């Protein structure tokens, strides 16, 4: 089992989690992840990636119909400690990481354990996910009901985080019945995290009680960047979490 997710879960739940994770790994194998070193001239590659997504079936009026803006990748991300469900390191923007740390500590004082499942995800990885799901025979409508099109995912921002807690399967609606979700519903806004996709959200996404995003009132639109840095200033690894 992935580290940190087997404790306190029934065997049947562990088996189901392993099945889903292996399925996601197979999905990415169907569309191998690209390398993420920045081009020498640091040219923004996201327009070509989004155009590829359009050619794969994403509607060209997707942003207007779904009421979504393009999401810029941050220039810098930091390690937040721990690993995701696939065993990879997780990263957020520095401000979001500090807020996440404070929120986790506050929850822990109240006897609630918050765990991160998925954080930053690049535009390239979002395209790989789209390709993989199409290769497995999923329709574009089904895919876009549960996954944002490349260029429009909050995970590109480095401010979104998928959260779980011991005893509940990650990335499942059952999380809303957990003490962690109750705590987040009451307290997350104090740390500027909001639930992005409640039931009936205007973006047409499935309900995601686990998906929370840190809000920066001063955030300004920024160009997409294909290279990002760790806290120490060295290029980060090209490892990403599942949605």
Protein backbone atom coordinates (compact mmCIF):
# COMPACT_ATOMS: atom_id res chain seq x y z
CA UNK A 1 0.00 0.00 0.00
CA UNK A 2 1.15 3.60 -0.50
CA UNK A 3 2.84 4.88 2.61
CA UNK A 4 0.51 6.46 5.18
CA UNK A 5 -2.83 5.32 3.71
CA UNK A 6 -3.18 1.74 4.99
CA UNK A 7 -3.59 2.40 8.69
CA UNK A 8 -7.03 1.94 10.22
CA UNK A 9 -8.65 0.98 6.89
CA UNK A 10 -10.50 -2.33 6.40
CA UNK A 11 -8.87 -4.81 4.03
CA UNK A 12 -11.62 -4.33 1.44
CA UNK A 13 -11.03 -0.57 1.44
CA UNK A 14 -7.27 -1.03 1.13
CA UNK A 15 -7.79 -3.37 -1.82
CA UNK A 16 -10.08 -0.89 -3.54
CA UNK A 17 -7.59 1.94 -2.98
CA UNK A 18 -4.79 -0.15 -4.45
CA UNK A 19 -6.97 -0.96 -7.47
CA UNK A 20 -7.68 2.74 -8.10
CA UNK A 21 -4.03 3.74 -7.71
CA UNK A 22 -2.84 1.00 -10.03
CA UNK A 23 -5.48 2.06 -12.51
CA UNK A 24 -4.21 5.61 -12.41
CA UNK A 25 -0.65 4.42 -12.89
CA UNK A 26 -1.80 2.46 -15.93
CA UNK A 27 -3.57 5.56 -17.21
CA UNK A 28 -0.35 7.53 -17.13
CA UNK A 29 1.56 4.67 -18.75
CA UNK A 30 -0.90 4.89 -21.63
CA UNK A 31 0.22 8.50 -22.09
CA UNK A 32 3.81 8.74 -20.79
CA UNK A 33 4.62 11.84 -18.82
CA UNK A 34 6.84 14.36 -20.60
CA UNK A 35 10.04 15.77 -19.19
CA UNK A 36 9.75 19.17 -17.58
CA UNK A 37 13.06 20.94 -18.07
CA UNK A 38 12.42 24.46 -19.31
CA UNK A 39 13.35 25.25 -22.87
CA UNK A 40 16.53 27.33 -23.20
CA UNK A 41 14.52 30.44 -24.09
CA UNK A 42 11.87 29.68 -21.43
CA UNK A 43 9.16 29.84 -24.09
CA UNK A 44 5.67 29.36 -22.66
CA UNK A 45 4.52 25.99 -24.00
CA UNK A 46 1.02 26.03 -22.52
CA UNK A 47 -0.77 27.55 -25.57
CA UNK A 48 0.38 24.63 -27.71
CA UNK A 49 -0.66 22.18 -24.98
CA UNK A 50 -4.11 23.75 -24.75
CA UNK A 51 -4.40 23.65 -28.54
CA UNK A 52 -3.54 19.94 -28.40
CA UNK A 53 -6.32 19.47 -25.84
CA UNK A 54 -8.75 21.19 -28.22
CA UNK A 55 -7.74 18.82 -31.00
CA UNK A 56 -8.35 15.91 -28.63
CA UNK A 57 -11.93 17.02 -28.13
CA UNK A 58 -12.01 19.73 -25.46
CA UNK A 59 -14.57 22.28 -26.74
CA UNK A 60 -13.02 25.53 -27.88
CA UNK A 61 -15.63 27.45 -25.88
CA UNK A 62 -14.75 25.38 -22.79
CA UNK A 63 -13.62 28.37 -20.70
CA UNK A 64 -16.77 30.39 -21.43
CA UNK A 65 -19.23 27.54 -20.96
CA UNK A 66 -17.60 26.29 -17.75
CA UNK A 67 -16.91 29.80 -16.37
CA UNK A 68 -13.22 29.06 -15.93
CA UNK A 69 -10.09 31.17 -16.33
CA UNK A 70 -6.70 29.93 -17.44
CA UNK A 71 -4.55 29.11 -14.44
CA UNK A 72 -0.91 30.17 -14.38
CA UNK A 73 1.77 27.88 -13.02
CA UNK A 74 3.80 29.52 -10.24
CA UNK A 75 7.41 30.57 -10.69
CA UNK A 76 8.33 28.85 -7.42
CA UNK A 77 7.08 25.97 -5.31
CA UNK A 78 8.27 24.52 -2.01
CA UNK A 79 8.21 21.05 -0.55
CA UNK A 80 5.46 20.66 2.04
CA UNK A 81 6.78 17.40 3.45
CA UNK A 82 5.33 13.96 3.04
CA UNK A 83 4.41 12.16 -0.14
CA UNK A 84 1.28 11.72 -2.20
CA UNK A 85 -0.69 8.52 -2.71
CA UNK A 86 1.73 7.39 -5.44
CA UNK A 87 4.82 8.02 -3.31
CA UNK A 88 5.88 11.35 -4.82
CA UNK A 89 6.90 14.54 -3.03
CA UNK A 90 4.29 17.30 -2.79
CA UNK A 91 4.68 21.04 -3.43
CA UNK A 92 2.73 24.26 -2.97
CA UNK A 93 3.53 27.93 -3.39
CA UNK A 94 5.37 29.33 -0.36
CA UNK A 95 2.33 31.26 0.94
CA UNK A 96 -0.05 28.35 0.46
CA UNK A 97 2.44 26.00 2.11
CA UNK A 98 2.67 28.24 5.19
CA UNK A 99 -1.11 28.45 5.41
CA UNK A 100 -1.44 24.68 5.02
CA UNK A 101 1.07 24.11 7.81
CA UNK A 102 -0.79 26.45 10.18
CA UNK A 103 -4.13 24.87 9.32
CA UNK A 104 -2.85 21.33 9.89
CA UNK A 105 -1.41 22.34 13.24
CA UNK A 106 -4.68 23.97 14.30
CA UNK A 107 -6.65 20.88 13.26
CA UNK A 108 -4.24 18.64 15.16
CA UNK A 109 -4.81 20.69 18.33
CA UNK A 110 -8.49 19.88 17.92
CA UNK A 111 -7.75 16.19 17.48
CA UNK A 112 -8.20 16.15 13.70
CA UNK A 113 -5.52 14.84 11.33
CA UNK A 114 -5.37 16.42 7.87
CA UNK A 115 -3.31 14.72 5.16
CA UNK A 116 -2.46 15.96 1.71
CA UNK A 117 -3.21 13.67 -1.24
CA UNK A 118 -2.44 15.90 -4.24
CA UNK A 119 -0.97 19.36 -4.70
CA UNK A 120 0.71 21.02 -7.69
CA UNK A 121 0.13 19.49 -11.12
CA UNK A 122 1.57 20.94 -14.33
CA UNK A 123 -0.27 21.66 -17.57
CA UNK A 124 1.76 18.90 -19.23
CA UNK A 125 0.64 16.34 -16.66
CA UNK A 126 -2.99 17.43 -17.06
CA UNK A 127 -2.66 16.75 -20.79
CA UNK A 128 -1.16 13.33 -20.05
CA UNK A 129 -4.15 12.54 -17.83
CA UNK A 130 -6.53 13.59 -20.60
CA UNK A 131 -4.72 11.46 -23.18
CA UNK A 132 -4.65 8.47 -20.85
CA UNK A 133 -8.36 8.60 -20.09
CA UNK A 134 -9.20 8.92 -23.77
CA UNK A 135 -6.96 5.92 -24.48
CA UNK A 136 -8.98 3.93 -21.95
CA UNK A 137 -12.18 4.70 -23.83
CA UNK A 138 -13.68 7.43 -21.65
CA UNK A 139 -15.72 10.10 -23.42
CA UNK A 140 -14.57 13.71 -23.33
CA UNK A 141 -17.75 14.72 -21.47
CA UNK A 142 -17.11 12.16 -18.75
CA UNK A 143 -13.49 13.22 -18.43
CA UNK A 144 -14.29 16.93 -18.16
CA UNK A 145 -16.92 16.24 -15.50
CA UNK A 146 -14.23 15.08 -13.07
CA UNK A 147 -11.02 16.65 -14.43
CA UNK A 148 -10.28 20.17 -15.61
CA UNK A 149 -8.94 20.61 -19.12
CA UNK A 150 -5.20 21.34 -19.39
CA UNK A 151 -4.57 24.98 -18.56
CA UNK A 152 -7.66 25.34 -16.37
CA UNK A 153 -6.96 23.17 -13.31
CA UNK A 154 -6.56 24.82 -9.91
CA UNK A 155 -3.76 22.35 -9.29
CA UNK A 156 -1.65 24.29 -11.82
CA UNK A 157 -1.64 27.23 -9.39
CA UNK A 158 0.24 25.45 -6.62
CA UNK A 159 -2.48 26.66 -4.23
CA UNK A 160 -4.93 23.75 -4.48
CA UNK A 161 -4.71 20.72 -2.24
CA UNK A 162 -6.70 17.50 -2.09
CA UNK A 163 -7.14 16.48 1.55
CA UNK A 164 -7.86 13.20 3.30
CA UNK A 165 -7.82 11.86 6.85
CA UNK A 166 -7.17 8.41 8.40
CA UNK A 167 -10.04 5.97 8.06
CA UNK A 168 -11.48 7.44 4.86
CA UNK A 169 -10.57 6.56 1.28
CA UNK A 170 -8.86 9.50 -0.46
CA UNK A 171 -10.62 11.31 -3.29
CA UNK A 172 -14.03 9.87 -2.47
CA UNK A 173 -17.29 11.59 -1.45
CA UNK A 174 -17.25 9.67 1.84
CA UNK A 175 -14.73 12.28 3.01
CA UNK A 176 -17.67 14.63 3.63
CA UNK A 177 -18.75 12.38 6.50
CA UNK A 178 -15.38 12.66 8.24
CA UNK A 179 -14.51 14.81 11.27
CA UNK A 180 -11.85 16.38 9.04
CA UNK A 181 -14.43 17.69 6.57
CA UNK A 182 -16.57 19.01 9.43
CA UNK A 183 -13.52 20.80 10.84
CA UNK A 184 -12.57 22.25 7.44
CA UNK A 185 -16.12 23.45 6.80
CA UNK A 186 -15.99 25.39 10.06
CA UNK A 187 -12.38 26.56 10.11
CA UNK A 188 -10.68 26.45 6.69
CA UNK A 189 -11.67 30.00 5.74
CA UNK A 190 -9.67 31.31 8.71
CA UNK A 191 -6.60 30.10 6.81
CA UNK A 192 -7.97 31.32 3.44
CA UNK A 193 -8.78 27.86 2.11
CA UNK A 194 -12.14 27.40 0.40
CA UNK A 195 -14.01 24.40 -0.98
CA UNK A 196 -13.70 24.86 -4.73
CA UNK A 197 -16.30 22.42 -6.05
CA UNK A 198 -19.36 22.03 -3.82
CA UNK A 199 -22.48 20.33 -5.08
CA UNK A 200 -24.09 22.29 -7.88
CA UNK A 201 -20.95 24.34 -8.53
CA UNK A 202 -21.19 26.66 -11.58
CA UNK A 203 -18.23 25.01 -13.32
CA UNK A 204 -19.96 21.70 -13.99
CA UNK A 205 -17.50 19.61 -11.97
CA UNK A 206 -18.48 16.66 -9.84
CA UNK A 207 -18.70 17.35 -6.11
CA UNK A 208 -15.22 17.22 -4.54
CA UNK A 209 -15.36 17.59 -0.75
CA UNK A 210 -11.61 16.91 -0.62
CA UNK A 211 -10.49 19.76 -2.94
CA UNK A 212 -9.59 23.02 -1.19
CA UNK A 213 -7.75 26.03 -2.59
CA UNK A 214 -5.83 28.77 -0.81
CA UNK A 215 -7.02 32.24 -1.83
CA UNK A 216 -4.50 35.03 -2.38
CA UNK A 217 -6.29 38.38 -2.57
CA UNK A 218 -3.18 39.92 -4.11
CA UNK A 219 -2.72 37.21 -6.73
CA UNK A 220 -2.23 38.72 -10.19
CA UNK A 221 -2.36 36.89 -13.54
CA UNK A 222 1.10 35.65 -14.46
CA UNK A 223 2.62 33.97 -17.52
CA UNK A 224 2.76 30.20 -17.49
CA UNK A 225 6.20 28.84 -16.64
CA UNK A 226 7.47 25.34 -17.33
CA UNK A 227 10.24 25.40 -14.76
CA UNK A 228 9.78 25.73 -11.01
CA UNK A 229 12.11 25.75 -8.08
CA UNK A 230 12.39 24.07 -4.70
CA UNK A 231 12.91 25.95 -1.46
CA UNK A 232 16.67 25.60 -1.94
CA UNK A 233 16.44 27.11 -5.43
CA UNK A 234 17.23 23.99 -7.45
CA UNK A 235 15.00 22.61 -10.23
CA UNK A 236 12.25 20.46 -8.75
CA UNK A 237 11.64 16.83 -9.67
CA UNK A 238 9.03 16.00 -12.30
CA UNK A 239 6.85 13.96 -9.94
CA UNK A 240 3.20 14.73 -9.51
CA UNK A 241 0.16 13.47 -7.62
CA UNK A 242 -3.12 12.11 -8.88
CA UNK A 243 -6.38 13.98 -8.75
